[in-house]
Amino acid sequence: MAKVIASTGDRFLVEMSASEIAVVAGYRGARDYQWQAIFRGGEPPIGATIDVAAAYTFHARISENQDVARKSAGTLRALADLLDGAMPDVALPPAAEEAKEGGHDV
């Protein structure tokens, strides 16, 4: 849990764990592989800057477009099913044609 330690005007000094900082920055925690790629060991050094507003905006855009993404995913699944489906028996080889007609000559 983050704790506000001090403030000056509109700025705050906040006590947070490395994992809390990572979550505020939009990651799953200090052990998140992407966070680890930025900060080896998962702990940001003193003086590191984190654009919390950018993280929020990114996640808000994803959240706002969830319905569109779900509909698009459904459409893509339906198209994939159409492409994967076998073509109906439009052209049959002669033996298959005879079997289908009951073996009668036409």
PDB file of N, CA and C in Angstrom:
ATOM      1  N   MET A   1       0.849  -1.174   0.000  1.00  0.00           N
ATOM      2  CA  MET A   1       0.000   0.000   0.000  1.00  0.00           C
ATOM      3  C   MET A   1       0.897   1.240   0.000  1.00  0.00           C
ATOM      4  N   ALA A   2       0.626   2.154  -0.895  1.00  0.00           N
ATOM      5  CA  ALA A   2       1.410   3.388  -0.987  1.00  0.00           C
ATOM      6  C   ALA A   2       1.056   4.320   0.169  1.00  0.00           C
ATOM      7  N   LYS A   3       2.053   5.047   0.637  1.00  0.00           N
ATOM      8  CA  LYS A   3       1.839   5.979   1.742  1.00  0.00           C
ATOM      9  C   LYS A   3       2.418   7.338   1.356  1.00  0.00           C
ATOM     10  N   VAL A   4       1.602   8.388   1.474  1.00  0.00           N
ATOM     11  CA  VAL A   4       2.069   9.744   1.196  1.00  0.00           C
ATOM     12  C   VAL A   4       2.909  10.196   2.393  1.00  0.00           C
ATOM     13  N   ILE A   5       4.161  10.545   2.127  1.00  0.00           N
ATOM     14  CA  ILE A   5       5.100  10.946   3.177  1.00  0.00           C
ATOM     15  C   ILE A   5       5.140  12.467   3.333  1.00  0.00           C
ATOM     16  N   ALA A   6       5.103  13.185   2.211  1.00  0.00           N
ATOM     17  CA  ALA A   6       5.190  14.647   2.258  1.00  0.00           C
ATOM     18  C   ALA A   6       4.575  15.227   0.992  1.00  0.00           C
ATOM     19  N   SER A   7       4.286  16.521   1.036  1.00  0.00           N
ATOM     20  CA  SER A   7       3.780  17.197  -0.161  1.00  0.00           C
ATOM     21  C   SER A   7       4.279  18.633  -0.191  1.00  0.00           C
ATOM     22  N   THR A   8       4.400  19.139  -1.418  1.00  0.00           N
ATOM     23  CA  THR A   8       4.729  20.547  -1.638  1.00  0.00           C
ATOM     24  C   THR A   8       3.893  20.991  -2.822  1.00  0.00           C
ATOM     25  N   GLY A   9       2.921  21.820  -2.570  1.00  0.00           N
ATOM     26  CA  GLY A   9       2.045  22.265  -3.655  1.00  0.00           C
ATOM     27  C   GLY A   9       1.279  21.088  -4.235  1.00  0.00           C
ATOM     28  N   ASP A  10       1.510  20.836  -5.520  1.00  0.00           N
ATOM     29  CA  ASP A  10       0.814  19.720  -6.167  1.00  0.00           C
ATOM     30  C   ASP A  10       1.725  18.505  -6.358  1.00  0.00           C
ATOM     31  N   ARG A  11       2.836  18.436  -5.629  1.00  0.00           N
ATOM     32  CA  ARG A  11       3.792  17.317  -5.715  1.00  0.00           C
ATOM     33  C   ARG A  11       3.764  16.526  -4.415  1.00  0.00           C
ATOM     34  N   PHE A  12       3.973  15.200  -4.536  1.00  0.00           N
ATOM     35  CA  PHE A  12       3.933  14.331  -3.366  1.00  0.00           C
ATOM     36  C   PHE A  12       5.151  13.424  -3.321  1.00  0.00           C
ATOM     37  N   LEU A  13       5.608  13.144  -2.127  1.00  0.00           N
ATOM     38  CA  LEU A  13       6.646  12.151  -1.890  1.00  0.00           C
ATOM     39  C   LEU A  13       5.909  10.929  -1.346  1.00  0.00           C
ATOM     40  N   VAL A  14       6.038   9.803  -2.055  1.00  0.00           N
ATOM     41  CA  VAL A  14       5.244   8.623  -1.726  1.00  0.00           C
ATOM     42  C   VAL A  14       6.154   7.440  -1.419  1.00  0.00           C
ATOM     43  N   GLU A  15       5.826   6.713  -0.358  1.00  0.00           N
ATOM     44  CA  GLU A  15       6.542   5.484  -0.014  1.00  0.00           C
ATOM     45  C   GLU A  15       5.813   4.315  -0.681  1.00  0.00           C
ATOM     46  N   MET A  16       6.548   3.572  -1.534  1.00  0.00           N
ATOM     47  CA  MET A  16       5.964   2.439  -2.257  1.00  0.00           C
ATOM     48  C   MET A  16       7.010   1.340  -2.401  1.00  0.00           C
ATOM     49  N   SER A  17       6.539   0.100  -2.491  1.00  0.00           N
ATOM     50  CA  SER A  17       7.454  -1.009  -2.773  1.00  0.00           C
ATOM     51  C   SER A  17       7.768  -1.016  -4.270  1.00  0.00           C
ATOM     52  N   ALA A  18       8.804  -1.742  -4.654  1.00  0.00           N
ATOM     53  CA  ALA A  18       9.160  -1.852  -6.075  1.00  0.00           C
ATOM     54  C   ALA A  18       7.996  -2.438  -6.863  1.00  0.00           C
ATOM     55  N   SER A  19       7.306  -3.407  -6.277  1.00  0.00           N
ATOM     56  CA  SER A  19       6.169  -4.024  -6.967  1.00  0.00           C
ATOM     57  C   SER A  19       5.030  -3.022  -7.151  1.00  0.00           C
ATOM     58  N   GLU A  20       4.766  -2.197  -6.142  1.00  0.00           N
ATOM     59  CA  GLU A  20       3.718  -1.178  -6.256  1.00  0.00           C
ATOM     60  C   GLU A  20       4.061  -0.154  -7.333  1.00  0.00           C
ATOM     61  N   ILE A  21       5.313   0.224  -7.409  1.00  0.00           N
ATOM     62  CA  ILE A  21       5.739   1.171  -8.448  1.00  0.00           C
ATOM     63  C   ILE A  21       5.514   0.554  -9.826  1.00  0.00           C
ATOM     64  N   ALA A  22       5.868  -0.714  -9.980  1.00  0.00           N
ATOM     65  CA  ALA A  22       5.679  -1.398 -11.265  1.00  0.00           C
ATOM     66  C   ALA A  22       4.203  -1.446 -11.644  1.00  0.00           C
ATOM     67  N   VAL A  23       3.337  -1.740 -10.681  1.00  0.00           N
ATOM     68  CA  VAL A  23       1.895  -1.808 -10.956  1.00  0.00           C
ATOM     69  C   VAL A  23       1.359  -0.431 -11.350  1.00  0.00           C
ATOM     70  N   VAL A  24       1.760   0.607 -10.646  1.00  0.00           N
ATOM     71  CA  VAL A  24       1.333   1.973 -10.977  1.00  0.00           C
ATOM     72  C   VAL A  24       1.788   2.349 -12.383  1.00  0.00           C
ATOM     73  N   ALA A  25       2.945   1.822 -12.783  1.00  0.00           N
ATOM     74  CA  ALA A  25       3.480   2.108 -14.118  1.00  0.00           C
ATOM     75  C   ALA A  25       2.810   1.264 -15.201  1.00  0.00           C
ATOM     76  N   GLY A  26       1.903   0.354 -14.800  1.00  0.00           N
ATOM     77  CA  GLY A  26       1.153  -0.421 -15.788  1.00  0.00           C
ATOM     78  C   GLY A  26       1.642  -1.842 -15.994  1.00  0.00           C
ATOM     79  N   TYR A  27       2.545  -2.316 -15.145  1.00  0.00           N
ATOM     80  CA  TYR A  27       3.058  -3.688 -15.268  1.00  0.00           C
ATOM     81  C   TYR A  27       2.404  -4.573 -14.215  1.00  0.00           C
ATOM     82  N   ARG A  28       2.641  -5.880 -14.309  1.00  0.00           N
ATOM     83  CA  ARG A  28       2.021  -6.812 -13.359  1.00  0.00           C
ATOM     84  C   ARG A  28       2.738  -6.852 -12.016  1.00  0.00           C
ATOM     85  N   GLY A  29       3.892  -6.285 -11.927  1.00  0.00           N
ATOM     86  CA  GLY A  29       4.652  -6.270 -10.685  1.00  0.00           C
ATOM     87  C   GLY A  29       6.136  -6.179 -10.983  1.00  0.00           C
ATOM     88  N   ALA A  30       6.949  -6.171  -9.919  1.00  0.00           N
ATOM     89  CA  ALA A  30       8.392  -6.017 -10.081  1.00  0.00           C
ATOM     90  C   ALA A  30       9.028  -7.218 -10.765  1.00  0.00           C
ATOM     91  N   ARG A  31       8.342  -8.356 -10.791  1.00  0.00           N
ATOM     92  CA  ARG A  31       8.884  -9.552 -11.452  1.00  0.00           C
ATOM     93  C   ARG A  31       8.418  -9.694 -12.905  1.00  0.00           C
ATOM     94  N   ASP A  32       7.589  -8.773 -13.373  1.00  0.00           N
ATOM     95  CA  ASP A  32       7.136  -8.783 -14.764  1.00  0.00           C
ATOM     96  C   ASP A  32       8.366  -8.703 -15.674  1.00  0.00           C
ATOM     97  N   TYR A  33       8.424  -9.577 -16.690  1.00  0.00           N
ATOM     98  CA  TYR A  33       9.627  -9.636 -17.537  1.00  0.00           C
ATOM     99  C   TYR A  33       9.891  -8.322 -18.271  1.00  0.00           C
ATOM    100  N   GLN A  34       8.832  -7.600 -18.658  1.00  0.00           N
ATOM    101  CA  GLN A  34       9.040  -6.318 -19.341  1.00  0.00           C
ATOM    102  C   GLN A  34       9.592  -5.268 -18.369  1.00  0.00           C
ATOM    103  N   TRP A  35       9.103  -5.283 -17.149  1.00  0.00           N
ATOM    104  CA  TRP A  35       9.617  -4.373 -16.121  1.00  0.00           C
ATOM    105  C   TRP A  35      11.078  -4.703 -15.826  1.00  0.00           C
ATOM    106  N   GLN A  36      11.371  -6.017 -15.737  1.00  0.00           N
ATOM    107  CA  GLN A  36      12.742  -6.471 -15.479  1.00  0.00           C
ATOM    108  C   GLN A  36      13.683  -6.045 -16.614  1.00  0.00           C
ATOM    109  N   ALA A  37      13.160  -5.996 -17.836  1.00  0.00           N
ATOM    110  CA  ALA A  37      13.989  -5.578 -18.972  1.00  0.00           C
ATOM    111  C   ALA A  37      14.381  -4.102 -18.855  1.00  0.00           C
ATOM    112  N   ILE A  38      13.528  -3.314 -18.219  1.00  0.00           N
ATOM    113  CA  ILE A  38      13.821  -1.890 -18.033  1.00  0.00           C
ATOM    114  C   ILE A  38      14.702  -1.683 -16.801  1.00  0.00           C
ATOM    115  N   PHE A  39      14.311  -2.323 -15.710  1.00  0.00           N
ATOM    116  CA  PHE A  39      15.032  -2.180 -14.440  1.00  0.00           C
ATOM    117  C   PHE A  39      15.509  -3.547 -13.983  1.00  0.00           C
ATOM    118  N   ARG A  40      16.754  -3.852 -14.248  1.00  0.00           N
ATOM    119  CA  ARG A  40      17.329  -5.135 -13.825  1.00  0.00           C
ATOM    120  C   ARG A  40      17.131  -5.300 -12.322  1.00  0.00           C
ATOM    121  N   GLY A  41      16.640  -6.452 -11.912  1.00  0.00           N
ATOM    122  CA  GLY A  41      16.390  -6.688 -10.496  1.00  0.00           C
ATOM    123  C   GLY A  41      15.028  -6.195 -10.052  1.00  0.00           C
ATOM    124  N   GLY A  42      14.329  -5.472 -10.927  1.00  0.00           N
ATOM    125  CA  GLY A  42      12.969  -5.035 -10.636  1.00  0.00           C
ATOM    126  C   GLY A  42      12.855  -3.775  -9.803  1.00  0.00           C
ATOM    127  N   GLU A  43      13.963  -3.216  -9.352  1.00  0.00           N
ATOM    128  CA  GLU A  43      13.896  -2.011  -8.531  1.00  0.00           C
ATOM    129  C   GLU A  43      14.392  -0.805  -9.320  1.00  0.00           C
ATOM    130  N   PRO A  44      13.523   0.178  -9.524  1.00  0.00           N
ATOM    131  CA  PRO A  44      13.974   1.370 -10.247  1.00  0.00           C
ATOM    132  C   PRO A  44      14.991   2.140  -9.404  1.00  0.00           C
ATOM    133  N   PRO A  45      16.026   2.671 -10.036  1.00  0.00           N
ATOM    134  CA  PRO A  45      17.023   3.430  -9.275  1.00  0.00           C
ATOM    135  C   PRO A  45      16.464   4.788  -8.853  1.00  0.00           C
ATOM    136  N   ILE A  46      17.077   5.378  -7.862  1.00  0.00           N
ATOM    137  CA  ILE A  46      16.676   6.721  -7.427  1.00  0.00           C
ATOM    138  C   ILE A  46      16.852   7.669  -8.611  1.00  0.00           C
ATOM    139  N   GLY A  47      15.842   8.462  -8.857  1.00  0.00           N
ATOM    140  CA  GLY A  47      15.873   9.395  -9.976  1.00  0.00           C
ATOM    141  C   GLY A  47      15.151   8.877 -11.214  1.00  0.00           C
ATOM    142  N   ALA A  48      14.726   7.597 -11.185  1.00  0.00           N
ATOM    143  CA  ALA A  48      13.980   7.045 -12.327  1.00  0.00           C
ATOM    144  C   ALA A  48      12.661   7.798 -12.468  1.00  0.00           C
ATOM    145  N   THR A  49      12.237   8.000 -13.700  1.00  0.00           N
ATOM    146  CA  THR A  49      10.993   8.704 -13.986  1.00  0.00           C
ATOM    147  C   THR A  49       9.978   7.722 -14.552  1.00  0.00           C
ATOM    148  N   ILE A  50       8.759   7.787 -14.047  1.00  0.00           N
ATOM    149  CA  ILE A  50       7.691   6.900 -14.511  1.00  0.00           C
ATOM    150  C   ILE A  50       6.519   7.770 -14.938  1.00  0.00           C
ATOM    151  N   ASP A  51       6.111   7.644 -16.190  1.00  0.00           N
ATOM    152  CA  ASP A  51       5.000   8.428 -16.726  1.00  0.00           C
ATOM    153  C   ASP A  51       3.697   7.686 -16.436  1.00  0.00           C
ATOM    154  N   VAL A  52       3.141   7.932 -15.262  1.00  0.00           N
ATOM    155  CA  VAL A  52       1.925   7.247 -14.816  1.00  0.00           C
ATOM    156  C   VAL A  52       0.751   7.585 -15.731  1.00  0.00           C
ATOM    157  N   ALA A  53       0.655   8.826 -16.190  1.00  0.00           N
ATOM    158  CA  ALA A  53      -0.445   9.230 -17.073  1.00  0.00           C
ATOM    159  C   ALA A  53      -0.410   8.448 -18.384  1.00  0.00           C
ATOM    160  N   ALA A  54       0.782   8.213 -18.929  1.00  0.00           N
ATOM    161  CA  ALA A  54       0.893   7.444 -20.175  1.00  0.00           C
ATOM    162  C   ALA A  54       0.442   6.006 -19.962  1.00  0.00           C
ATOM    163  N   ALA A  55       0.802   5.411 -18.826  1.00  0.00           N
ATOM    164  CA  ALA A  55       0.374   4.044 -18.519  1.00  0.00           C
ATOM    165  C   ALA A  55      -1.144   3.989 -18.403  1.00  0.00           C
ATOM    166  N   TYR A  56      -1.721   4.966 -17.715  1.00  0.00           N
ATOM    167  CA  TYR A  56      -3.173   5.007 -17.556  1.00  0.00           C
ATOM    168  C   TYR A  56      -3.864   5.164 -18.908  1.00  0.00           C
ATOM    169  N   THR A  57      -3.374   6.075 -19.739  1.00  0.00           N
ATOM    170  CA  THR A  57      -3.968   6.307 -21.058  1.00  0.00           C
ATOM    171  C   THR A  57      -3.925   5.050 -21.911  1.00  0.00           C
ATOM    172  N   PHE A  58      -2.805   4.344 -21.893  1.00  0.00           N
ATOM    173  CA  PHE A  58      -2.662   3.101 -22.655  1.00  0.00           C
ATOM    174  C   PHE A  58      -3.715   2.084 -22.227  1.00  0.00           C
ATOM    175  N   HIS A  59      -3.837   1.850 -20.929  1.00  0.00           N
ATOM    176  CA  HIS A  59      -4.793   0.860 -20.431  1.00  0.00           C
ATOM    177  C   HIS A  59      -6.241   1.323 -20.618  1.00  0.00           C
ATOM    178  N   ALA A  60      -6.485   2.613 -20.524  1.00  0.00           N
ATOM    179  CA  ALA A  60      -7.833   3.138 -20.750  1.00  0.00           C
ATOM    180  C   ALA A  60      -8.260   2.917 -22.195  1.00  0.00           C
ATOM    181  N   ARG A  61      -7.337   3.134 -23.146  1.00  0.00           N
ATOM    182  CA  ARG A  61      -7.660   2.912 -24.563  1.00  0.00           C
ATOM    183  C   ARG A  61      -7.994   1.447 -24.821  1.00  0.00           C
ATOM    184  N   ILE A  62      -7.242   0.553 -24.224  1.00  0.00           N
ATOM    185  CA  ILE A  62      -7.527  -0.877 -24.379  1.00  0.00           C
ATOM    186  C   ILE A  62      -8.904  -1.190 -23.812  1.00  0.00           C
ATOM    187  N   SER A  63      -9.178  -0.678 -22.626  1.00  0.00           N
ATOM    188  CA  SER A  63     -10.460  -0.929 -21.975  1.00  0.00           C
ATOM    189  C   SER A  63     -11.622  -0.373 -22.796  1.00  0.00           C
ATOM    190  N   GLU A  64     -11.469   0.824 -23.339  1.00  0.00           N
ATOM    191  CA  GLU A  64     -12.526   1.455 -24.130  1.00  0.00           C
ATOM    192  C   GLU A  64     -12.820   0.691 -25.417  1.00  0.00           C
ATOM    193  N   ASN A  65     -11.849  -0.025 -25.938  1.00  0.00           N
ATOM    194  CA  ASN A  65     -12.015  -0.725 -27.212  1.00  0.00           C
ATOM    195  C   ASN A  65     -12.238  -2.226 -27.066  1.00  0.00           C
ATOM    196  N   GLN A  66     -12.534  -2.698 -25.859  1.00  0.00           N
ATOM    197  CA  GLN A  66     -12.746  -4.128 -25.643  1.00  0.00           C
ATOM    198  C   GLN A  66     -13.897  -4.678 -26.474  1.00  0.00           C
ATOM    199  N   ASP A  67     -15.021  -3.963 -26.515  1.00  0.00           N
ATOM    200  CA  ASP A  67     -16.178  -4.455 -27.266  1.00  0.00           C
ATOM    201  C   ASP A  67     -15.866  -4.572 -28.756  1.00  0.00           C
ATOM    202  N   VAL A  68     -15.194  -3.576 -29.304  1.00  0.00           N
ATOM    203  CA  VAL A  68     -14.814  -3.613 -30.719  1.00  0.00           C
ATOM    204  C   VAL A  68     -13.883  -4.793 -30.972  1.00  0.00           C
ATOM    205  N   ALA A  69     -12.939  -5.015 -30.073  1.00  0.00           N
ATOM    206  CA  ALA A  69     -11.998  -6.133 -30.227  1.00  0.00           C
ATOM    207  C   ALA A  69     -12.727  -7.471 -30.158  1.00  0.00           C
ATOM    208  N   ARG A  70     -13.678  -7.600 -29.235  1.00  0.00           N
ATOM    209  CA  ARG A  70     -14.449  -8.854 -29.126  1.00  0.00           C
ATOM    210  C   ARG A  70     -15.240  -9.122 -30.407  1.00  0.00           C
ATOM    211  N   LYS A  71     -15.905  -8.079 -30.931  1.00  0.00           N
ATOM    212  CA  LYS A  71     -16.682  -8.243 -32.167  1.00  0.00           C
ATOM    213  C   LYS A  71     -15.764  -8.614 -33.327  1.00  0.00           C
ATOM    214  N   SER A  72     -14.625  -7.962 -33.405  1.00  0.00           N
ATOM    215  CA  SER A  72     -13.668  -8.267 -34.472  1.00  0.00           C
ATOM    216  C   SER A  72     -13.159  -9.694 -34.351  1.00  0.00           C
ATOM    217  N   ALA A  73     -12.890 -10.128 -33.133  1.00  0.00           N
ATOM    218  CA  ALA A  73     -12.417 -11.501 -32.917  1.00  0.00           C
ATOM    219  C   ALA A  73     -13.479 -12.499 -33.363  1.00  0.00           C
ATOM    220  N   GLY A  74     -14.744 -12.217 -33.064  1.00  0.00           N
ATOM    221  CA  GLY A  74     -15.834 -13.098 -33.492  1.00  0.00           C
ATOM    222  C   GLY A  74     -15.934 -13.167 -35.008  1.00  0.00           C
ATOM    223  N   THR A  75     -15.810 -12.024 -35.662  1.00  0.00           N
ATOM    224  CA  THR A  75     -15.851 -11.989 -37.125  1.00  0.00           C
ATOM    225  C   THR A  75     -14.690 -12.775 -37.718  1.00  0.00           C
ATOM    226  N   LEU A  76     -13.499 -12.594 -37.158  1.00  0.00           N
ATOM    227  CA  LEU A  76     -12.328 -13.330 -37.656  1.00  0.00           C
ATOM    228  C   LEU A  76     -12.483 -14.832 -37.446  1.00  0.00           C
ATOM    229  N   ARG A  77     -13.076 -15.234 -36.298  1.00  0.00           N
ATOM    230  CA  ARG A  77     -13.312 -16.668 -36.066  1.00  0.00           C
ATOM    231  C   ARG A  77     -14.281 -17.226 -37.105  1.00  0.00           C
ATOM    232  N   ALA A  78     -15.345 -16.479 -37.382  1.00  0.00           N
ATOM    233  CA  ALA A  78     -16.330 -16.929 -38.368  1.00  0.00           C
ATOM    234  C   ALA A  78     -15.698 -17.053 -39.750  1.00  0.00           C
ATOM    235  N   LEU A  79     -14.866 -16.092 -40.130  1.00  0.00           N
ATOM    236  CA  LEU A  79     -14.183 -16.166 -41.421  1.00  0.00           C
ATOM    237  C   LEU A  79     -13.228 -17.351 -41.474  1.00  0.00           C
ATOM    238  N   ALA A  80     -12.527 -17.603 -40.384  1.00  0.00           N
ATOM    239  CA  ALA A  80     -11.614 -18.754 -40.330  1.00  0.00           C
ATOM    240  C   ALA A  80     -12.394 -20.054 -40.474  1.00  0.00           C
ATOM    241  N   ASP A  81     -13.560 -20.134 -39.840  1.00  0.00           N
ATOM    242  CA  ASP A  81     -14.400 -21.332 -39.969  1.00  0.00           C
ATOM    243  C   ASP A  81     -14.839 -21.531 -41.415  1.00  0.00           C
ATOM    244  N   LEU A  82     -15.176 -20.426 -42.092  1.00  0.00           N
ATOM    245  CA  LEU A  82     -15.571 -20.526 -43.500  1.00  0.00           C
ATOM    246  C   LEU A  82     -14.417 -21.031 -44.354  1.00  0.00           C
ATOM    247  N   LEU A  83     -13.226 -20.510 -44.100  1.00  0.00           N
ATOM    248  CA  LEU A  83     -12.058 -20.918 -44.883  1.00  0.00           C
ATOM    249  C   LEU A  83     -11.643 -22.351 -44.587  1.00  0.00           C
ATOM    250  N   ASP A  84     -11.798 -22.778 -43.339  1.00  0.00           N
ATOM    251  CA  ASP A  84     -11.417 -24.138 -42.953  1.00  0.00           C
ATOM    252  C   ASP A  84     -12.433 -25.176 -43.405  1.00  0.00           C
ATOM    253  N   GLY A  85     -13.657 -24.767 -43.621  1.00  0.00           N
ATOM    254  CA  GLY A  85     -14.710 -25.707 -44.008  1.00  0.00           C
ATOM    255  C   GLY A  85     -14.449 -26.297 -45.381  1.00  0.00           C
ATOM    256  N   ALA A  86     -14.847 -27.542 -45.542  1.00  0.00           N
ATOM    257  CA  ALA A  86     -14.667 -28.216 -46.832  1.00  0.00           C
ATOM    258  C   ALA A  86     -15.683 -27.681 -47.833  1.00  0.00           C
ATOM    259  N   MET A  87     -15.279 -27.614 -49.076  1.00  0.00           N
ATOM    260  CA  MET A  87     -16.190 -27.187 -50.132  1.00  0.00           C
ATOM    261  C   MET A  87     -17.207 -28.303 -50.350  1.00  0.00           C
ATOM    262  N   PRO A  88     -18.450 -27.961 -50.566  1.00  0.00           N
ATOM    263  CA  PRO A  88     -19.458 -29.004 -50.779  1.00  0.00           C
ATOM    264  C   PRO A  88     -19.143 -29.823 -52.028  1.00  0.00           C
ATOM    265  N   ASP A  89     -19.766 -30.979 -52.143  1.00  0.00           N
ATOM    266  CA  ASP A  89     -19.521 -31.892 -53.266  1.00  0.00           C
ATOM    267  C   ASP A  89     -20.046 -31.292 -54.568  1.00  0.00           C
ATOM    268  N   VAL A  90     -19.275 -30.392 -55.140  1.00  0.00           N
ATOM    269  CA  VAL A  90     -19.656 -29.741 -56.387  1.00  0.00           C
ATOM    270  C   VAL A  90     -19.205 -30.584 -57.570  1.00  0.00           C
ATOM    271  N   ALA A  91     -17.986 -31.070 -57.521  1.00  0.00           N
ATOM    272  CA  ALA A  91     -17.453 -31.900 -58.605  1.00  0.00           C
ATOM    273  C   ALA A  91     -17.115 -33.262 -58.024  1.00  0.00           C
ATOM    274  N   LEU A  92     -17.697 -34.304 -58.584  1.00  0.00           N
ATOM    275  CA  LEU A  92     -17.476 -35.660 -58.096  1.00  0.00           C
ATOM    276  C   LEU A  92     -16.817 -36.499 -59.175  1.00  0.00           C
ATOM    277  N   PRO A  93     -15.866 -37.362 -58.804  1.00  0.00           N
ATOM    278  CA  PRO A  93     -15.299 -38.286 -59.782  1.00  0.00           C
ATOM    279  C   PRO A  93     -16.375 -39.278 -60.210  1.00  0.00           C
ATOM    280  N   PRO A  94     -16.238 -39.927 -61.391  1.00  0.00           N
ATOM    281  CA  PRO A  94     -17.279 -40.821 -61.907  1.00  0.00           C
ATOM    282  C   PRO A  94     -17.736 -41.894 -60.918  1.00  0.00           C
ATOM    283  N   ALA A  95     -16.841 -42.556 -60.201  1.00  0.00           N
ATOM    284  CA  ALA A  95     -17.242 -43.609 -59.267  1.00  0.00           C
ATOM    285  C   ALA A  95     -18.108 -43.035 -58.154  1.00  0.00           C
ATOM    286  N   ALA A  96     -17.765 -41.878 -57.669  1.00  0.00           N
ATOM    287  CA  ALA A  96     -18.537 -41.258 -56.603  1.00  0.00           C
ATOM    288  C   ALA A  96     -19.903 -40.833 -57.118  1.00  0.00           C
ATOM    289  N   GLU A  97     -19.969 -40.401 -58.378  1.00  0.00           N
ATOM    290  CA  GLU A  97     -21.244 -40.001 -58.968  1.00  0.00           C
ATOM    291  C   GLU A  97     -22.195 -41.180 -59.056  1.00  0.00           C
ATOM    292  N   GLU A  98     -21.691 -42.338 -59.495  1.00  0.00           N
ATOM    293  CA  GLU A  98     -22.530 -43.532 -59.616  1.00  0.00           C
ATOM    294  C   GLU A  98     -23.046 -43.969 -58.262  1.00  0.00           C
ATOM    295  N   ALA A  99     -22.199 -43.935 -57.264  1.00  0.00           N
ATOM    296  CA  ALA A  99     -22.620 -44.345 -55.928  1.00  0.00           C
ATOM    297  C   ALA A  99     -23.686 -43.396 -55.403  1.00  0.00           C
ATOM    298  N   LYS A 100     -23.542 -42.126 -55.708  1.00  0.00           N
ATOM    299  CA  LYS A 100     -24.498 -41.138 -55.232  1.00  0.00           C
ATOM    300  C   LYS A 100     -25.856 -41.319 -55.902  1.00  0.00           C
ATOM    301  N   GLU A 101     -25.859 -41.719 -57.188  1.00  0.00           N
ATOM    302  CA  GLU A 101     -27.104 -41.891 -57.934  1.00  0.00           C
ATOM    303  C   GLU A 101     -27.691 -43.280 -57.739  1.00  0.00           C
ATOM    304  N   GLY A 102     -27.030 -44.121 -56.999  1.00  0.00           N
ATOM    305  CA  GLY A 102     -27.555 -45.459 -56.759  1.00  0.00           C
ATOM    306  C   GLY A 102     -27.109 -46.458 -57.797  1.00  0.00           C
ATOM    307  N   GLY A 103     -26.060 -46.152 -58.547  1.00  0.00           N
ATOM    308  CA  GLY A 103     -25.507 -47.095 -59.506  1.00  0.00           C
ATOM    309  C   GLY A 103     -26.282 -47.188 -60.803  1.00  0.00           C
ATOM    310  N   HIS A 104     -27.193 -46.337 -61.066  1.00  0.00           N
ATOM    311  CA  HIS A 104     -27.974 -46.368 -62.304  1.00  0.00           C
ATOM    312  C   HIS A 104     -27.293 -45.572 -63.395  1.00  0.00           C
ATOM    313  N   ASP A 105     -27.414 -46.036 -64.603  1.00  0.00           N
ATOM    314  CA  ASP A 105     -26.903 -45.275 -65.741  1.00  0.00           C
ATOM    315  C   ASP A 105     -27.897 -44.180 -66.069  1.00  0.00           C
ATOM    316  N   VAL A 106     -27.389 -43.046 -66.440  1.00  0.00           N
ATOM    317  CA  VAL A 106     -28.274 -41.934 -66.772  1.00  0.00           C
ATOM    318  C   VAL A 106     -28.424 -41.804 -68.241  1.00  0.00           C
TER     319      VAL A 106
END
